[in-house]
Amino acid sequence: MNMLLKGLASKPSVPHSKGCRKLLKGVVNMYGLHDYIADELCNNKSLGALIYLLEKGREFEFSYQGTICFISRSETQKEVSLWVNKKEYAFDNIDELAETKIFEDKSLLDIWNEIEVEYLF
């Protein structure tokens, strides 16, 4: 298997609290692009990295004002879902998820700089 395809294979969840870069140090070159992008999300909160990783089947957990939120494309009523306090908000696409006002009249885009990355599954 070439290194790029190996990098796109499923990886275990990476907790942000321990620091993705620290966990992946010396491993990024081994796994390739996929882990580099996961590192970009966990350490720099790159929205582009989130979109890429969701499209590749990864799931994302974050907190906002003490509330745990979860984004996934599996077992969803539509294309992608956001769960807030175990309530599902289902969307036709990632753009709609990012732009819909769910958080006290704010969208994910509006609160993006305030979220805390918890896990990338």
PDB file of N, CA and C in Angstrom:
ATOM      1  N   MET A   1       0.861  -1.166   0.000  1.00  0.00           N
ATOM      2  CA  MET A   1       0.000   0.000   0.000  1.00  0.00           C
ATOM      3  C   MET A   1       0.906   1.227   0.000  1.00  0.00           C
ATOM      4  N   ASN A   2       0.633   2.198  -0.911  1.00  0.00           N
ATOM      5  CA  ASN A   2       1.492   3.380  -0.916  1.00  0.00           C
ATOM      6  C   ASN A   2       1.204   4.257   0.294  1.00  0.00           C
ATOM      7  N   MET A   3       2.113   5.182   0.595  1.00  0.00           N
ATOM      8  CA  MET A   3       2.029   5.970   1.826  1.00  0.00           C
ATOM      9  C   MET A   3       0.794   6.868   1.867  1.00  0.00           C
ATOM     10  N   LEU A   4       0.356   7.419   0.731  1.00  0.00           N
ATOM     11  CA  LEU A   4      -0.828   8.273   0.730  1.00  0.00           C
ATOM     12  C   LEU A   4      -2.066   7.466   1.093  1.00  0.00           C
ATOM     13  N   LEU A   5      -2.231   6.298   0.473  1.00  0.00           N
ATOM     14  CA  LEU A   5      -3.386   5.467   0.798  1.00  0.00           C
ATOM     15  C   LEU A   5      -3.324   4.986   2.241  1.00  0.00           C
ATOM     16  N   LYS A   6      -2.135   4.677   2.725  1.00  0.00           N
ATOM     17  CA  LYS A   6      -1.981   4.260   4.106  1.00  0.00           C
ATOM     18  C   LYS A   6      -2.426   5.386   5.038  1.00  0.00           C
ATOM     19  N   GLY A   7      -2.150   6.629   4.664  1.00  0.00           N
ATOM     20  CA  GLY A   7      -2.539   7.780   5.461  1.00  0.00           C
ATOM     21  C   GLY A   7      -4.032   8.005   5.483  1.00  0.00           C
ATOM     22  N   LEU A   8      -4.734   7.543   4.459  1.00  0.00           N
ATOM     23  CA  LEU A   8      -6.177   7.731   4.396  1.00  0.00           C
ATOM     24  C   LEU A   8      -6.934   6.618   5.108  1.00  0.00           C
ATOM     25  N   ALA A   9      -6.217   5.616   5.573  1.00  0.00           N
ATOM     26  CA  ALA A   9      -6.859   4.523   6.313  1.00  0.00           C
ATOM     27  C   ALA A   9      -7.376   5.039   7.645  1.00  0.00           C
ATOM     28  N   SER A  10      -8.317   4.339   8.223  1.00  0.00           N
ATOM     29  CA  SER A  10      -8.919   4.743   9.497  1.00  0.00           C
ATOM     30  C   SER A  10      -7.880   4.751  10.607  1.00  0.00           C
ATOM     31  N   LYS A  11      -7.915   5.801  11.416  1.00  0.00           N
ATOM     32  CA  LYS A  11      -6.991   5.944  12.538  1.00  0.00           C
ATOM     33  C   LYS A  11      -7.783   6.007  13.837  1.00  0.00           C
ATOM     34  N   PRO A  12      -7.159   5.687  14.965  1.00  0.00           N
ATOM     35  CA  PRO A  12      -7.845   5.808  16.252  1.00  0.00           C
ATOM     36  C   PRO A  12      -8.124   7.265  16.565  1.00  0.00           C
ATOM     37  N   SER A  13      -9.046   7.501  17.488  1.00  0.00           N
ATOM     38  CA  SER A  13      -9.366   8.866  17.871  1.00  0.00           C
ATOM     39  C   SER A  13      -8.153   9.526  18.519  1.00  0.00           C
ATOM     40  N   VAL A  14      -8.072  10.822  18.335  1.00  0.00           N
ATOM     41  CA  VAL A  14      -6.947  11.583  18.849  1.00  0.00           C
ATOM     42  C   VAL A  14      -7.489  12.665  19.773  1.00  0.00           C
ATOM     43  N   PRO A  15      -7.255  12.556  21.083  1.00  0.00           N
ATOM     44  CA  PRO A  15      -7.761  13.579  21.994  1.00  0.00           C
ATOM     45  C   PRO A  15      -6.933  14.852  21.893  1.00  0.00           C
ATOM     46  N   HIS A  16      -7.595  16.002  21.784  1.00  0.00           N
ATOM     47  CA  HIS A  16      -6.899  17.280  21.697  1.00  0.00           C
ATOM     48  C   HIS A  16      -6.191  17.608  23.002  1.00  0.00           C
ATOM     49  N   SER A  17      -6.771  17.230  24.125  1.00  0.00           N
ATOM     50  CA  SER A  17      -6.212  17.601  25.421  1.00  0.00           C
ATOM     51  C   SER A  17      -4.767  17.122  25.590  1.00  0.00           C
ATOM     52  N   LYS A  18      -4.385  16.053  24.923  1.00  0.00           N
ATOM     53  CA  LYS A  18      -3.005  15.573  25.000  1.00  0.00           C
ATOM     54  C   LYS A  18      -2.152  16.175  23.897  1.00  0.00           C
ATOM     55  N   GLY A  19      -2.765  16.895  22.976  1.00  0.00           N
ATOM     56  CA  GLY A  19      -2.032  17.541  21.894  1.00  0.00           C
ATOM     57  C   GLY A  19      -1.797  16.616  20.732  1.00  0.00           C
ATOM     58  N   CYS A  20      -2.494  16.837  19.646  1.00  0.00           N
ATOM     59  CA  CYS A  20      -2.356  15.976  18.469  1.00  0.00           C
ATOM     60  C   CYS A  20      -0.926  15.971  17.949  1.00  0.00           C
ATOM     61  N   ARG A  21      -0.295  17.141  17.910  1.00  0.00           N
ATOM     62  CA  ARG A  21       1.061  17.209  17.367  1.00  0.00           C
ATOM     63  C   ARG A  21       1.999  16.330  18.187  1.00  0.00           C
ATOM     64  N   LYS A  22       1.856  16.333  19.492  1.00  0.00           N
ATOM     65  CA  LYS A  22       2.710  15.518  20.352  1.00  0.00           C
ATOM     66  C   LYS A  22       2.478  14.034  20.077  1.00  0.00           C
ATOM     67  N   LEU A  23       1.213  13.638  19.927  1.00  0.00           N
ATOM     68  CA  LEU A  23       0.910  12.233  19.661  1.00  0.00           C
ATOM     69  C   LEU A  23       1.387  11.799  18.286  1.00  0.00           C
ATOM     70  N   LEU A  24       1.381  12.717  17.320  1.00  0.00           N
ATOM     71  CA  LEU A  24       1.728  12.358  15.955  1.00  0.00           C
ATOM     72  C   LEU A  24       3.180  12.663  15.611  1.00  0.00           C
ATOM     73  N   LYS A  25       3.929  13.255  16.538  1.00  0.00           N
ATOM     74  CA  LYS A  25       5.308  13.612  16.262  1.00  0.00           C
ATOM     75  C   LYS A  25       6.088  12.383  15.807  1.00  0.00           C
ATOM     76  N   GLY A  26       6.739  12.519  14.673  1.00  0.00           N
ATOM     77  CA  GLY A  26       7.499  11.415  14.124  1.00  0.00           C
ATOM     78  C   GLY A  26       6.638  10.404  13.391  1.00  0.00           C
ATOM     79  N   VAL A  27       5.319  10.543  13.467  1.00  0.00           N
ATOM     80  CA  VAL A  27       4.414   9.606  12.807  1.00  0.00           C
ATOM     81  C   VAL A  27       3.801  10.243  11.578  1.00  0.00           C
ATOM     82  N   VAL A  28       3.769  11.566  11.512  1.00  0.00           N
ATOM     83  CA  VAL A  28       3.124  12.257  10.403  1.00  0.00           C
ATOM     84  C   VAL A  28       3.689  11.786   9.072  1.00  0.00           C
ATOM     85  N   ASN A  29       5.012  11.688   8.956  1.00  0.00           N
ATOM     86  CA  ASN A  29       5.610  11.242   7.700  1.00  0.00           C
ATOM     87  C   ASN A  29       5.266   9.790   7.389  1.00  0.00           C
ATOM     88  N   MET A  30       5.062   8.989   8.417  1.00  0.00           N
ATOM     89  CA  MET A  30       4.736   7.587   8.212  1.00  0.00           C
ATOM     90  C   MET A  30       3.323   7.436   7.641  1.00  0.00           C
ATOM     91  N   TYR A  31       2.360   8.211   8.153  1.00  0.00           N
ATOM     92  CA  TYR A  31       0.978   8.068   7.721  1.00  0.00           C
ATOM     93  C   TYR A  31       0.607   8.994   6.572  1.00  0.00           C
ATOM     94  N   GLY A  32       1.274  10.116   6.428  1.00  0.00           N
ATOM     95  CA  GLY A  32       1.066  10.982   5.285  1.00  0.00           C
ATOM     96  C   GLY A  32       0.011  12.053   5.467  1.00  0.00           C
ATOM     97  N   LEU A  33      -0.618  12.372   4.370  1.00  0.00           N
ATOM     98  CA  LEU A  33      -1.523  13.510   4.262  1.00  0.00           C
ATOM     99  C   LEU A  33      -2.654  13.494   5.279  1.00  0.00           C
ATOM    100  N   HIS A  34      -3.299  12.372   5.471  1.00  0.00           N
ATOM    101  CA  HIS A  34      -4.463  12.291   6.356  1.00  0.00           C
ATOM    102  C   HIS A  34      -4.124  12.757   7.773  1.00  0.00           C
ATOM    103  N   ASP A  35      -3.036  12.265   8.328  1.00  0.00           N
ATOM    104  CA  ASP A  35      -2.663  12.657   9.690  1.00  0.00           C
ATOM    105  C   ASP A  35      -2.164  14.096   9.751  1.00  0.00           C
ATOM    106  N   TYR A  36      -1.533  14.555   8.691  1.00  0.00           N
ATOM    107  CA  TYR A  36      -1.115  15.953   8.639  1.00  0.00           C
ATOM    108  C   TYR A  36      -2.346  16.860   8.728  1.00  0.00           C
ATOM    109  N   ILE A  37      -3.413  16.505   8.016  1.00  0.00           N
ATOM    110  CA  ILE A  37      -4.643  17.299   8.038  1.00  0.00           C
ATOM    111  C   ILE A  37      -5.347  17.167   9.387  1.00  0.00           C
ATOM    112  N   ALA A  38      -5.340  15.988   9.986  1.00  0.00           N
ATOM    113  CA  ALA A  38      -5.906  15.818  11.327  1.00  0.00           C
ATOM    114  C   ALA A  38      -5.169  16.698  12.325  1.00  0.00           C
ATOM    115  N   ASP A  39      -3.863  16.752  12.211  1.00  0.00           N
ATOM    116  CA  ASP A  39      -3.046  17.609  13.060  1.00  0.00           C
ATOM    117  C   ASP A  39      -3.407  19.078  12.848  1.00  0.00           C
ATOM    118  N   GLU A  40      -3.642  19.466  11.617  1.00  0.00           N
ATOM    119  CA  GLU A  40      -4.031  20.837  11.285  1.00  0.00           C
ATOM    120  C   GLU A  40      -5.350  21.210  11.962  1.00  0.00           C
ATOM    121  N   LEU A  41      -6.292  20.293  11.989  1.00  0.00           N
ATOM    122  CA  LEU A  41      -7.569  20.544  12.658  1.00  0.00           C
ATOM    123  C   LEU A  41      -7.376  20.649  14.172  1.00  0.00           C
ATOM    124  N   CYS A  42      -6.705  19.679  14.754  1.00  0.00           N
ATOM    125  CA  CYS A  42      -6.571  19.626  16.207  1.00  0.00           C
ATOM    126  C   CYS A  42      -5.750  20.769  16.777  1.00  0.00           C
ATOM    127  N   ASN A  43      -4.729  21.184  16.086  1.00  0.00           N
ATOM    128  CA  ASN A  43      -3.834  22.197  16.633  1.00  0.00           C
ATOM    129  C   ASN A  43      -4.111  23.611  16.137  1.00  0.00           C
ATOM    130  N   ASN A  44      -4.698  23.747  14.963  1.00  0.00           N
ATOM    131  CA  ASN A  44      -4.934  25.075  14.394  1.00  0.00           C
ATOM    132  C   ASN A  44      -6.407  25.365  14.150  1.00  0.00           C
ATOM    133  N   LYS A  45      -7.269  24.417  14.473  1.00  0.00           N
ATOM    134  CA  LYS A  45      -8.716  24.545  14.251  1.00  0.00           C
ATOM    135  C   LYS A  45      -9.027  25.000  12.825  1.00  0.00           C
ATOM    136  N   SER A  46      -8.427  24.326  11.877  1.00  0.00           N
ATOM    137  CA  SER A  46      -8.646  24.630  10.467  1.00  0.00           C
ATOM    138  C   SER A  46     -10.010  24.121  10.025  1.00  0.00           C
ATOM    139  N   LEU A  47     -10.854  25.031   9.578  1.00  0.00           N
ATOM    140  CA  LEU A  47     -12.180  24.659   9.089  1.00  0.00           C
ATOM    141  C   LEU A  47     -12.068  23.822   7.817  1.00  0.00           C
ATOM    142  N   GLY A  48     -11.116  24.153   6.969  1.00  0.00           N
ATOM    143  CA  GLY A  48     -10.883  23.364   5.757  1.00  0.00           C
ATOM    144  C   GLY A  48     -10.494  21.931   6.094  1.00  0.00           C
ATOM    145  N   ALA A  49      -9.682  21.769   7.131  1.00  0.00           N
ATOM    146  CA  ALA A  49      -9.295  20.423   7.566  1.00  0.00           C
ATOM    147  C   ALA A  49     -10.508  19.662   8.075  1.00  0.00           C
ATOM    148  N   LEU A  50     -11.388  20.342   8.826  1.00  0.00           N
ATOM    149  CA  LEU A  50     -12.612  19.685   9.306  1.00  0.00           C
ATOM    150  C   LEU A  50     -13.443  19.177   8.141  1.00  0.00           C
ATOM    151  N   ILE A  51     -13.643  20.008   7.140  1.00  0.00           N
ATOM    152  CA  ILE A  51     -14.451  19.614   5.976  1.00  0.00           C
ATOM    153  C   ILE A  51     -13.821  18.412   5.279  1.00  0.00           C
ATOM    154  N   TYR A  52     -12.528  18.449   5.046  1.00  0.00           N
ATOM    155  CA  TYR A  52     -11.825  17.338   4.401  1.00  0.00           C
ATOM    156  C   TYR A  52     -12.009  16.043   5.201  1.00  0.00           C
ATOM    157  N   LEU A  53     -11.782  16.126   6.511  1.00  0.00           N
ATOM    158  CA  LEU A  53     -11.846  14.932   7.348  1.00  0.00           C
ATOM    159  C   LEU A  53     -13.264  14.376   7.449  1.00  0.00           C
ATOM    160  N   LEU A  54     -14.270  15.247   7.517  1.00  0.00           N
ATOM    161  CA  LEU A  54     -15.660  14.775   7.515  1.00  0.00           C
ATOM    162  C   LEU A  54     -15.984  14.062   6.211  1.00  0.00           C
ATOM    163  N   GLU A  55     -15.511  14.612   5.103  1.00  0.00           N
ATOM    164  CA  GLU A  55     -15.757  13.978   3.798  1.00  0.00           C
ATOM    165  C   GLU A  55     -15.070  12.622   3.684  1.00  0.00           C
ATOM    166  N   LYS A  56     -14.000  12.415   4.441  1.00  0.00           N
ATOM    167  CA  LYS A  56     -13.283  11.133   4.440  1.00  0.00           C
ATOM    168  C   LYS A  56     -13.838  10.166   5.482  1.00  0.00           C
ATOM    169  N   GLY A  57     -14.920  10.568   6.182  1.00  0.00           N
ATOM    170  CA  GLY A  57     -15.572   9.647   7.102  1.00  0.00           C
ATOM    171  C   GLY A  57     -15.211   9.820   8.574  1.00  0.00           C
ATOM    172  N   ARG A  58     -14.366  10.795   8.878  1.00  0.00           N
ATOM    173  CA  ARG A  58     -14.024  11.023  10.283  1.00  0.00           C
ATOM    174  C   ARG A  58     -15.188  11.696  11.005  1.00  0.00           C
ATOM    175  N   GLU A  59     -15.190  11.628  12.321  1.00  0.00           N
ATOM    176  CA  GLU A  59     -16.210  12.250  13.159  1.00  0.00           C
ATOM    177  C   GLU A  59     -15.498  13.198  14.111  1.00  0.00           C
ATOM    178  N   PHE A  60     -16.190  14.259  14.517  1.00  0.00           N
ATOM    179  CA  PHE A  60     -15.551  15.343  15.258  1.00  0.00           C
ATOM    180  C   PHE A  60     -16.379  15.706  16.484  1.00  0.00           C
ATOM    181  N   GLU A  61     -15.715  15.749  17.629  1.00  0.00           N
ATOM    182  CA  GLU A  61     -16.375  16.162  18.866  1.00  0.00           C
ATOM    183  C   GLU A  61     -15.709  17.440  19.362  1.00  0.00           C
ATOM    184  N   PHE A  62     -16.556  18.407  19.747  1.00  0.00           N
ATOM    185  CA  PHE A  62     -16.047  19.661  20.280  1.00  0.00           C
ATOM    186  C   PHE A  62     -16.971  20.135  21.384  1.00  0.00           C
ATOM    187  N   SER A  63     -16.495  21.099  22.151  1.00  0.00           N
ATOM    188  CA  SER A  63     -17.352  21.686  23.172  1.00  0.00           C
ATOM    189  C   SER A  63     -17.478  23.180  22.911  1.00  0.00           C
ATOM    190  N   TYR A  64     -18.636  23.690  23.275  1.00  0.00           N
ATOM    191  CA  TYR A  64     -18.915  25.120  23.160  1.00  0.00           C
ATOM    192  C   TYR A  64     -19.672  25.537  24.413  1.00  0.00           C
ATOM    193  N   GLN A  65     -19.080  26.421  25.158  1.00  0.00           N
ATOM    194  CA  GLN A  65     -19.656  26.894  26.414  1.00  0.00           C
ATOM    195  C   GLN A  65     -20.065  25.729  27.325  1.00  0.00           C
ATOM    196  N   GLY A  66     -19.210  24.729  27.402  1.00  0.00           N
ATOM    197  CA  GLY A  66     -19.438  23.593  28.278  1.00  0.00           C
ATOM    198  C   GLY A  66     -20.353  22.511  27.721  1.00  0.00           C
ATOM    199  N   THR A  67     -20.881  22.717  26.528  1.00  0.00           N
ATOM    200  CA  THR A  67     -21.776  21.738  25.899  1.00  0.00           C
ATOM    201  C   THR A  67     -20.997  20.910  24.887  1.00  0.00           C
ATOM    202  N   ILE A  68     -21.089  19.588  25.006  1.00  0.00           N
ATOM    203  CA  ILE A  68     -20.424  18.694  24.063  1.00  0.00           C
ATOM    204  C   ILE A  68     -21.263  18.587  22.796  1.00  0.00           C
ATOM    205  N   CYS A  69     -20.596  18.726  21.650  1.00  0.00           N
ATOM    206  CA  CYS A  69     -21.242  18.641  20.338  1.00  0.00           C
ATOM    207  C   CYS A  69     -20.482  17.624  19.494  1.00  0.00           C
ATOM    208  N   PHE A  70     -21.176  17.023  18.554  1.00  0.00           N
ATOM    209  CA  PHE A  70     -20.607  15.933  17.774  1.00  0.00           C
ATOM    210  C   PHE A  70     -21.077  16.059  16.330  1.00  0.00           C
ATOM    211  N   ILE A  71     -20.149  15.952  15.380  1.00  0.00           N
ATOM    212  CA  ILE A  71     -20.484  16.008  13.955  1.00  0.00           C
ATOM    213  C   ILE A  71     -20.105  14.685  13.319  1.00  0.00           C
ATOM    214  N   SER A  72     -21.037  14.137  12.512  1.00  0.00           N
ATOM    215  CA  SER A  72     -20.795  12.854  11.858  1.00  0.00           C
ATOM    216  C   SER A  72     -21.590  12.767  10.562  1.00  0.00           C
ATOM    217  N   ARG A  73     -21.100  11.918   9.664  1.00  0.00           N
ATOM    218  CA  ARG A  73     -21.828  11.621   8.431  1.00  0.00           C
ATOM    219  C   ARG A  73     -22.392  10.201   8.453  1.00  0.00           C
ATOM    220  N   SER A  74     -22.176   9.464   9.546  1.00  0.00           N
ATOM    221  CA  SER A  74     -22.720   8.105   9.616  1.00  0.00           C
ATOM    222  C   SER A  74     -23.930   8.066  10.531  1.00  0.00           C
ATOM    223  N   GLU A  75     -24.855   7.199  10.208  1.00  0.00           N
ATOM    224  CA  GLU A  75     -26.095   7.031  10.968  1.00  0.00           C
ATOM    225  C   GLU A  75     -26.818   8.361  11.182  1.00  0.00           C
ATOM    226  N   THR A  76     -26.892   9.151  10.138  1.00  0.00           N
ATOM    227  CA  THR A  76     -27.547  10.443  10.174  1.00  0.00           C
ATOM    228  C   THR A  76     -28.820  10.396   9.339  1.00  0.00           C
ATOM    229  N   GLN A  77     -29.761  11.264   9.652  1.00  0.00           N
ATOM    230  CA  GLN A  77     -31.016  11.307   8.903  1.00  0.00           C
ATOM    231  C   GLN A  77     -30.814  11.855   7.492  1.00  0.00           C
ATOM    232  N   LYS A  78     -29.782  12.674   7.307  1.00  0.00           N
ATOM    233  CA  LYS A  78     -29.471  13.249   5.998  1.00  0.00           C
ATOM    234  C   LYS A  78     -28.006  12.994   5.691  1.00  0.00           C
ATOM    235  N   GLU A  79     -27.342  13.900   5.004  1.00  0.00           N
ATOM    236  CA  GLU A  79     -25.942  13.735   4.603  1.00  0.00           C
ATOM    237  C   GLU A  79     -24.963  13.866   5.771  1.00  0.00           C
ATOM    238  N   VAL A  80     -25.228  14.826   6.665  1.00  0.00           N
ATOM    239  CA  VAL A  80     -24.337  15.090   7.794  1.00  0.00           C
ATOM    240  C   VAL A  80     -25.173  15.616   8.962  1.00  0.00           C
ATOM    241  N   SER A  81     -24.767  15.287  10.173  1.00  0.00           N
ATOM    242  CA  SER A  81     -25.524  15.735  11.340  1.00  0.00           C
ATOM    243  C   SER A  81     -24.617  16.335  12.399  1.00  0.00           C
ATOM    244  N   LEU A  82     -25.211  17.242  13.150  1.00  0.00           N
ATOM    245  CA  LEU A  82     -24.593  17.839  14.318  1.00  0.00           C
ATOM    246  C   LEU A  82     -25.476  17.490  15.503  1.00  0.00           C
ATOM    247  N   TRP A  83     -24.883  16.900  16.529  1.00  0.00           N
ATOM    248  CA  TRP A  83     -25.629  16.585  17.747  1.00  0.00           C
ATOM    249  C   TRP A  83     -25.210  17.581  18.822  1.00  0.00           C
ATOM    250  N   VAL A  84     -26.188  18.210  19.454  1.00  0.00           N
ATOM    251  CA  VAL A  84     -25.963  19.136  20.567  1.00  0.00           C
ATOM    252  C   VAL A  84     -26.852  18.650  21.704  1.00  0.00           C
ATOM    253  N   ASN A  85     -26.243  18.302  22.834  1.00  0.00           N
ATOM    254  CA  ASN A  85     -27.006  17.733  23.953  1.00  0.00           C
ATOM    255  C   ASN A  85     -27.882  16.561  23.507  1.00  0.00           C
ATOM    256  N   LYS A  86     -27.308  15.690  22.687  1.00  0.00           N
ATOM    257  CA  LYS A  86     -27.959  14.471  22.187  1.00  0.00           C
ATOM    258  C   LYS A  86     -29.148  14.745  21.256  1.00  0.00           C
ATOM    259  N   LYS A  87     -29.335  16.007  20.842  1.00  0.00           N
ATOM    260  CA  LYS A  87     -30.373  16.341  19.867  1.00  0.00           C
ATOM    261  C   LYS A  87     -29.717  16.460  18.502  1.00  0.00           C
ATOM    262  N   GLU A  88     -30.288  15.747  17.529  1.00  0.00           N
ATOM    263  CA  GLU A  88     -29.715  15.736  16.188  1.00  0.00           C
ATOM    264  C   GLU A  88     -30.270  16.866  15.331  1.00  0.00           C
ATOM    265  N   TYR A  89     -29.355  17.545  14.648  1.00  0.00           N
ATOM    266  CA  TYR A  89     -29.688  18.517  13.607  1.00  0.00           C
ATOM    267  C   TYR A  89     -29.103  17.950  12.322  1.00  0.00           C
ATOM    268  N   ALA A  90     -29.962  17.539  11.391  1.00  0.00           N
ATOM    269  CA  ALA A  90     -29.511  16.878  10.162  1.00  0.00           C
ATOM    270  C   ALA A  90     -29.522  17.863   8.994  1.00  0.00           C
ATOM    271  N   PHE A  91     -28.513  17.747   8.129  1.00  0.00           N
ATOM    272  CA  PHE A  91     -28.339  18.687   7.023  1.00  0.00           C
ATOM    273  C   PHE A  91     -28.054  17.944   5.725  1.00  0.00           C
ATOM    274  N   ASP A  92     -28.369  18.609   4.624  1.00  0.00           N
ATOM    275  CA  ASP A  92     -28.115  18.037   3.299  1.00  0.00           C
ATOM    276  C   ASP A  92     -26.646  18.110   2.907  1.00  0.00           C
ATOM    277  N   ASN A  93     -25.894  19.034   3.518  1.00  0.00           N
ATOM    278  CA  ASN A  93     -24.475  19.168   3.193  1.00  0.00           C
ATOM    279  C   ASN A  93     -23.737  19.887   4.327  1.00  0.00           C
ATOM    280  N   ILE A  94     -22.426  19.877   4.254  1.00  0.00           N
ATOM    281  CA  ILE A  94     -21.598  20.467   5.302  1.00  0.00           C
ATOM    282  C   ILE A  94     -21.750  21.984   5.331  1.00  0.00           C
ATOM    283  N   ASP A  95     -21.923  22.613   4.172  1.00  0.00           N
ATOM    284  CA  ASP A  95     -22.108  24.063   4.126  1.00  0.00           C
ATOM    285  C   ASP A  95     -23.334  24.479   4.937  1.00  0.00           C
ATOM    286  N   GLU A  96     -24.419  23.758   4.748  1.00  0.00           N
ATOM    287  CA  GLU A  96     -25.653  24.055   5.475  1.00  0.00           C
ATOM    288  C   GLU A  96     -25.439  23.881   6.981  1.00  0.00           C
ATOM    289  N   LEU A  97     -24.734  22.835   7.371  1.00  0.00           N
ATOM    290  CA  LEU A  97     -24.431  22.615   8.784  1.00  0.00           C
ATOM    291  C   LEU A  97     -23.649  23.803   9.352  1.00  0.00           C
ATOM    292  N   ALA A  98     -22.653  24.271   8.631  1.00  0.00           N
ATOM    293  CA  ALA A  98     -21.793  25.352   9.118  1.00  0.00           C
ATOM    294  C   ALA A  98     -22.509  26.693   9.207  1.00  0.00           C
ATOM    295  N   GLU A  99     -23.517  26.909   8.359  1.00  0.00           N
ATOM    296  CA  GLU A  99     -24.151  28.225   8.265  1.00  0.00           C
ATOM    297  C   GLU A  99     -25.479  28.357   9.010  1.00  0.00           C
ATOM    298  N   THR A 100     -26.065  27.246   9.448  1.00  0.00           N
ATOM    299  CA  THR A 100     -27.358  27.297  10.137  1.00  0.00           C
ATOM    300  C   THR A 100     -27.166  27.756  11.580  1.00  0.00           C
ATOM    301  N   LYS A 101     -28.006  28.666  12.019  1.00  0.00           N
ATOM    302  CA  LYS A 101     -27.914  29.217  13.377  1.00  0.00           C
ATOM    303  C   LYS A 101     -28.559  28.255  14.375  1.00  0.00           C
ATOM    304  N   ILE A 102     -27.729  27.569  15.140  1.00  0.00           N
ATOM    305  CA  ILE A 102     -28.173  26.567  16.106  1.00  0.00           C
ATOM    306  C   ILE A 102     -27.823  26.994  17.532  1.00  0.00           C
ATOM    307  N   PHE A 103     -26.726  27.672  17.685  1.00  0.00           N
ATOM    308  CA  PHE A 103     -26.183  28.027  18.995  1.00  0.00           C
ATOM    309  C   PHE A 103     -26.624  29.429  19.403  1.00  0.00           C
ATOM    310  N   GLU A 104     -27.793  29.528  20.031  1.00  0.00           N
ATOM    311  CA  GLU A 104     -28.309  30.817  20.491  1.00  0.00           C
ATOM    312  C   GLU A 104     -28.210  31.878  19.394  1.00  0.00           C
ATOM    313  N   ASP A 105     -28.781  31.590  18.260  1.00  0.00           N
ATOM    314  CA  ASP A 105     -28.771  32.486  17.098  1.00  0.00           C
ATOM    315  C   ASP A 105     -27.394  32.661  16.458  1.00  0.00           C
ATOM    316  N   LYS A 106     -26.508  31.688  16.669  1.00  0.00           N
ATOM    317  CA  LYS A 106     -25.189  31.698  16.046  1.00  0.00           C
ATOM    318  C   LYS A 106     -24.982  30.385  15.301  1.00  0.00           C
ATOM    319  N   SER A 107     -24.234  30.462  14.230  1.00  0.00           N
ATOM    320  CA  SER A 107     -23.906  29.271  13.449  1.00  0.00           C
ATOM    321  C   SER A 107     -22.565  28.703  13.918  1.00  0.00           C
ATOM    322  N   LEU A 108     -22.223  27.534  13.417  1.00  0.00           N
ATOM    323  CA  LEU A 108     -20.919  26.950  13.701  1.00  0.00           C
ATOM    324  C   LEU A 108     -19.817  27.902  13.230  1.00  0.00           C
ATOM    325  N   LEU A 109     -20.021  28.534  12.089  1.00  0.00           N
ATOM    326  CA  LEU A 109     -19.036  29.509  11.604  1.00  0.00           C
ATOM    327  C   LEU A 109     -18.869  30.660  12.590  1.00  0.00           C
ATOM    328  N   ASP A 110     -19.976  31.116  13.173  1.00  0.00           N
ATOM    329  CA  ASP A 110     -19.929  32.229  14.125  1.00  0.00           C
ATOM    330  C   ASP A 110     -19.159  31.874  15.390  1.00  0.00           C
ATOM    331  N   ILE A 111     -19.274  30.638  15.840  1.00  0.00           N
ATOM    332  CA  ILE A 111     -18.652  30.240  17.116  1.00  0.00           C
ATOM    333  C   ILE A 111     -17.319  29.517  16.935  1.00  0.00           C
ATOM    334  N   TRP A 112     -16.889  29.287  15.707  1.00  0.00           N
ATOM    335  CA  TRP A 112     -15.729  28.445  15.413  1.00  0.00           C
ATOM    336  C   TRP A 112     -14.505  28.800  16.269  1.00  0.00           C
ATOM    337  N   ASN A 113     -14.210  30.077  16.431  1.00  0.00           N
ATOM    338  CA  ASN A 113     -13.020  30.473  17.200  1.00  0.00           C
ATOM    339  C   ASN A 113     -13.187  30.256  18.698  1.00  0.00           C
ATOM    340  N   GLU A 114     -14.410  30.000  19.152  1.00  0.00           N
ATOM    341  CA  GLU A 114     -14.676  29.802  20.579  1.00  0.00           C
ATOM    342  C   GLU A 114     -14.772  28.332  20.981  1.00  0.00           C
ATOM    343  N   ILE A 115     -14.806  27.430  20.022  1.00  0.00           N
ATOM    344  CA  ILE A 115     -14.962  26.019  20.372  1.00  0.00           C
ATOM    345  C   ILE A 115     -13.661  25.440  20.903  1.00  0.00           C
ATOM    346  N   GLU A 116     -13.797  24.350  21.640  1.00  0.00           N
ATOM    347  CA  GLU A 116     -12.654  23.572  22.105  1.00  0.00           C
ATOM    348  C   GLU A 116     -12.706  22.220  21.407  1.00  0.00           C
ATOM    349  N   VAL A 117     -11.637  21.877  20.726  1.00  0.00           N
ATOM    350  CA  VAL A 117     -11.562  20.573  20.066  1.00  0.00           C
ATOM    351  C   VAL A 117     -11.439  19.511  21.147  1.00  0.00           C
ATOM    352  N   GLU A 118     -12.315  18.514  21.111  1.00  0.00           N
ATOM    353  CA  GLU A 118     -12.258  17.424  22.087  1.00  0.00           C
ATOM    354  C   GLU A 118     -11.639  16.172  21.478  1.00  0.00           C
ATOM    355  N   TYR A 119     -12.283  15.612  20.459  1.00  0.00           N
ATOM    356  CA  TYR A 119     -11.789  14.382  19.838  1.00  0.00           C
ATOM    357  C   TYR A 119     -12.034  14.404  18.331  1.00  0.00           C
ATOM    358  N   LEU A 120     -11.172  13.726  17.635  1.00  0.00           N
ATOM    359  CA  LEU A 120     -11.346  13.427  16.222  1.00  0.00           C
ATOM    360  C   LEU A 120     -11.351  11.914  16.132  1.00  0.00           C
ATOM    361  N   PHE A 121     -12.473  11.340  15.685  1.00  0.00           N
ATOM    362  CA  PHE A 121     -12.613   9.892  15.588  1.00  0.00           C
ATOM    363  C   PHE A 121     -12.393   9.429  14.170  1.00  0.00           C
TER     364      PHE A 121
END
